[in-house]
Amino acid sequence: MESVPEKDPRILDVLDRLKLTLGAGAFDIVDHWSSDLIAVGIASPQNHQVLVYIGVFNDGYYAELELPPLTGDDGLYRVAGRYSGLTFDQLAGVVAKHLALGSISGQNRSAHSGGSSV
């Protein structure tokens, strides 16, 4: 996994646990929030616009799901869901289901987006 030593140890732990649960290569780290020490972005290896922003809080995990903008929309992304107070198992399920959309989309943008495979 890419080293992200400046992040809170809880984020590093969740990345390790997601890798073990979802499998090697299940996601790329695409961290648009490097200054946010308790959060990280992970994306579908097939399409970096299918992204999950994960935060760690005392009451559990937060996940915001992002998808590419709709045709004609000038936004950078669209929000596909927000979850808070998740257990790790719930987070892993949400992440797996959302990142699977990257395979369905047929748009391989990861080669142009930067990020690291996990």
C-alpha atoms as a PDB file:
ATOM      1  CA  MET A   1       0.000   0.000   0.000  1.00  0.00           C
ATOM      2  CA  GLU A   2       1.127   3.530  -0.658  1.00  0.00           C
ATOM      3  CA  SER A   3       2.581   5.089   2.426  1.00  0.00           C
ATOM      4  CA  VAL A   4       0.336   7.772   3.883  1.00  0.00           C
ATOM      5  CA  PRO A   5       2.202   8.325   7.173  1.00  0.00           C
ATOM      6  CA  GLU A   6       0.749  11.767   7.816  1.00  0.00           C
ATOM      7  CA  LYS A   7      -2.739  10.277   8.233  1.00  0.00           C
ATOM      8  CA  ASP A   8      -4.317   9.341  11.537  1.00  0.00           C
ATOM      9  CA  PRO A   9      -3.480   5.730  12.478  1.00  0.00           C
ATOM     10  CA  ARG A  10      -7.218   4.904  12.394  1.00  0.00           C
ATOM     11  CA  ILE A  11      -7.326   5.725   8.655  1.00  0.00           C
ATOM     12  CA  LEU A  12      -4.254   3.600   8.028  1.00  0.00           C
ATOM     13  CA  ASP A  13      -5.934   0.771   9.929  1.00  0.00           C
ATOM     14  CA  VAL A  14      -9.162   1.014   7.928  1.00  0.00           C
ATOM     15  CA  LEU A  15      -7.195   0.945   4.660  1.00  0.00           C
ATOM     16  CA  ASP A  16      -5.364  -2.193   5.792  1.00  0.00           C
ATOM     17  CA  ARG A  17      -8.606  -3.839   6.905  1.00  0.00           C
ATOM     18  CA  LEU A  18     -10.371  -2.954   3.639  1.00  0.00           C
ATOM     19  CA  LYS A  19      -7.473  -4.421   1.685  1.00  0.00           C
ATOM     20  CA  LEU A  20      -7.740  -7.668   3.661  1.00  0.00           C
ATOM     21  CA  THR A  21     -11.536  -7.774   3.359  1.00  0.00           C
ATOM     22  CA  LEU A  22     -11.956  -6.711  -0.280  1.00  0.00           C
ATOM     23  CA  GLY A  23      -8.735  -8.133  -1.686  1.00  0.00           C
ATOM     24  CA  ALA A  24      -5.521  -6.779  -3.125  1.00  0.00           C
ATOM     25  CA  GLY A  25      -6.160  -4.393  -5.998  1.00  0.00           C
ATOM     26  CA  ALA A  26      -9.764  -3.754  -4.931  1.00  0.00           C
ATOM     27  CA  PHE A  27      -9.196   0.000  -4.768  1.00  0.00           C
ATOM     28  CA  ASP A  28      -6.712   2.763  -5.450  1.00  0.00           C
ATOM     29  CA  ILE A  29      -5.917   5.520  -3.000  1.00  0.00           C
ATOM     30  CA  VAL A  30      -7.000   8.778  -4.615  1.00  0.00           C
ATOM     31  CA  ASP A  31      -6.698  11.227  -1.782  1.00  0.00           C
ATOM     32  CA  HIS A  32      -7.974  14.656  -2.756  1.00  0.00           C
ATOM     33  CA  TRP A  33      -8.026  15.481   0.958  1.00  0.00           C
ATOM     34  CA  SER A  34      -4.376  15.047   1.983  1.00  0.00           C
ATOM     35  CA  SER A  35      -4.685  17.727   4.673  1.00  0.00           C
ATOM     36  CA  ASP A  36      -7.638  15.916   6.299  1.00  0.00           C
ATOM     37  CA  LEU A  37      -5.839  13.549   8.660  1.00  0.00           C
ATOM     38  CA  ILE A  38      -8.928  11.504   9.593  1.00  0.00           C
ATOM     39  CA  ALA A  39     -10.168  10.938   6.050  1.00  0.00           C
ATOM     40  CA  VAL A  40      -9.024   9.416   2.771  1.00  0.00           C
ATOM     41  CA  GLY A  41     -10.353   8.839  -0.718  1.00  0.00           C
ATOM     42  CA  ILE A  42     -10.360   5.449  -2.402  1.00  0.00           C
ATOM     43  CA  ALA A  43     -11.508   4.757  -5.946  1.00  0.00           C
ATOM     44  CA  SER A  44     -12.343   1.974  -8.324  1.00  0.00           C
ATOM     45  CA  PRO A  45      -9.173   0.897 -10.155  1.00  0.00           C
ATOM     46  CA  GLN A  46     -11.238   0.848 -13.358  1.00  0.00           C
ATOM     47  CA  ASN A  47     -12.622   4.374 -12.957  1.00  0.00           C
ATOM     48  CA  HIS A  48     -11.244   6.895 -10.479  1.00  0.00           C
ATOM     49  CA  GLN A  49     -14.434   8.932 -10.744  1.00  0.00           C
ATOM     50  CA  VAL A  50     -16.163   6.157  -8.787  1.00  0.00           C
ATOM     51  CA  LEU A  51     -14.799   7.205  -5.430  1.00  0.00           C
ATOM     52  CA  VAL A  52     -15.501   6.784  -1.727  1.00  0.00           C
ATOM     53  CA  TYR A  53     -14.461   9.441   0.766  1.00  0.00           C
ATOM     54  CA  ILE A  54     -13.987   7.688   4.122  1.00  0.00           C
ATOM     55  CA  GLY A  55     -13.771   9.425   7.472  1.00  0.00           C
ATOM     56  CA  VAL A  56     -13.102   7.949  10.909  1.00  0.00           C
ATOM     57  CA  PHE A  57     -14.962   9.361  13.893  1.00  0.00           C
ATOM     58  CA  ASN A  58     -15.589   8.281  17.480  1.00  0.00           C
ATOM     59  CA  ASP A  59     -19.076   7.013  16.586  1.00  0.00           C
ATOM     60  CA  GLY A  60     -17.912   4.953  13.591  1.00  0.00           C
ATOM     61  CA  TYR A  61     -17.073   5.496   9.951  1.00  0.00           C
ATOM     62  CA  TYR A  62     -18.392   8.050   7.498  1.00  0.00           C
ATOM     63  CA  ALA A  63     -18.617   7.372   3.766  1.00  0.00           C
ATOM     64  CA  GLU A  64     -19.545   9.700   0.950  1.00  0.00           C
ATOM     65  CA  LEU A  65     -20.012   7.998  -2.406  1.00  0.00           C
ATOM     66  CA  GLU A  66     -19.109   9.899  -5.556  1.00  0.00           C
ATOM     67  CA  LEU A  67     -19.844   9.184  -9.221  1.00  0.00           C
ATOM     68  CA  PRO A  68     -18.954  11.015 -12.440  1.00  0.00           C
ATOM     69  CA  PRO A  69     -21.186  14.002 -13.190  1.00  0.00           C
ATOM     70  CA  LEU A  70     -24.160  13.494 -15.462  1.00  0.00           C
ATOM     71  CA  THR A  71     -23.804  14.553 -19.096  1.00  0.00           C
ATOM     72  CA  GLY A  72     -24.217  18.300 -19.306  1.00  0.00           C
ATOM     73  CA  ASP A  73     -23.469  18.826 -15.618  1.00  0.00           C
ATOM     74  CA  ASP A  74     -20.459  21.079 -15.064  1.00  0.00           C
ATOM     75  CA  GLY A  75     -19.717  19.657 -11.612  1.00  0.00           C
ATOM     76  CA  LEU A  76     -16.649  17.551 -10.920  1.00  0.00           C
ATOM     77  CA  TYR A  77     -18.738  14.710  -9.464  1.00  0.00           C
ATOM     78  CA  ARG A  78     -22.158  13.852  -8.090  1.00  0.00           C
ATOM     79  CA  VAL A  79     -22.923  12.524  -4.641  1.00  0.00           C
ATOM     80  CA  ALA A  80     -24.415   9.020  -4.780  1.00  0.00           C
ATOM     81  CA  GLY A  81     -24.871   8.569  -1.029  1.00  0.00           C
ATOM     82  CA  ARG A  82     -23.761   9.582   2.431  1.00  0.00           C
ATOM     83  CA  TYR A  83     -23.505   7.296   5.445  1.00  0.00           C
ATOM     84  CA  SER A  84     -22.416   7.949   9.021  1.00  0.00           C
ATOM     85  CA  GLY A  85     -21.993   5.906  12.161  1.00  0.00           C
ATOM     86  CA  LEU A  86     -21.083   2.792  10.163  1.00  0.00           C
ATOM     87  CA  THR A  87     -19.415  -0.254  11.655  1.00  0.00           C
ATOM     88  CA  PHE A  88     -16.416  -1.595   9.757  1.00  0.00           C
ATOM     89  CA  ASP A  89     -18.497  -4.417   8.252  1.00  0.00           C
ATOM     90  CA  GLN A  90     -21.127  -1.932   7.060  1.00  0.00           C
ATOM     91  CA  LEU A  91     -18.413   0.311   5.616  1.00  0.00           C
ATOM     92  CA  ALA A  92     -16.808  -2.604   3.774  1.00  0.00           C
ATOM     93  CA  GLY A  93     -20.180  -3.548   2.267  1.00  0.00           C
ATOM     94  CA  VAL A  94     -20.914   0.011   1.124  1.00  0.00           C
ATOM     95  CA  VAL A  95     -17.418   0.369  -0.342  1.00  0.00           C
ATOM     96  CA  ALA A  96     -17.537  -2.966  -2.188  1.00  0.00           C
ATOM     97  CA  LYS A  97     -20.952  -2.273  -3.711  1.00  0.00           C
ATOM     98  CA  HIS A  98     -20.045   1.262  -4.769  1.00  0.00           C
ATOM     99  CA  LEU A  99     -16.626   0.462  -6.237  1.00  0.00           C
ATOM    100  CA  ALA A 100     -18.184  -2.357  -8.288  1.00  0.00           C
ATOM    101  CA  LEU A 101     -19.904   0.421 -10.267  1.00  0.00           C
ATOM    102  CA  GLY A 102     -16.479   1.338 -11.655  1.00  0.00           C
ATOM    103  CA  SER A 103     -16.347  -1.989 -13.487  1.00  0.00           C
ATOM    104  CA  ILE A 104     -19.855  -1.537 -14.864  1.00  0.00           C
ATOM    105  CA  SER A 105     -19.245   1.978 -16.166  1.00  0.00           C
ATOM    106  CA  GLY A 106     -16.765   0.828 -18.802  1.00  0.00           C
ATOM    107  CA  GLN A 107     -14.867   4.095 -18.473  1.00  0.00           C
ATOM    108  CA  ASN A 108     -11.264   3.434 -17.560  1.00  0.00           C
ATOM    109  CA  ARG A 109      -9.988   6.763 -16.343  1.00  0.00           C
ATOM    110  CA  SER A 110      -7.574   5.419 -13.729  1.00  0.00           C
ATOM    111  CA  ALA A 111      -4.610   5.600 -16.090  1.00  0.00           C
ATOM    112  CA  HIS A 112      -5.082   9.347 -16.296  1.00  0.00           C
ATOM    113  CA  SER A 113      -6.071  10.097 -12.716  1.00  0.00           C
ATOM    114  CA  GLY A 114      -3.013   9.239 -10.672  1.00  0.00           C
ATOM    115  CA  GLY A 115      -3.307   7.328  -7.428  1.00  0.00           C
ATOM    116  CA  SER A 116      -1.926   4.114  -6.150  1.00  0.00           C
ATOM    117  CA  SER A 117      -3.171   0.575  -6.312  1.00  0.00           C
ATOM    118  CA  VAL A 118      -3.826  -1.167  -3.039  1.00  0.00           C
END
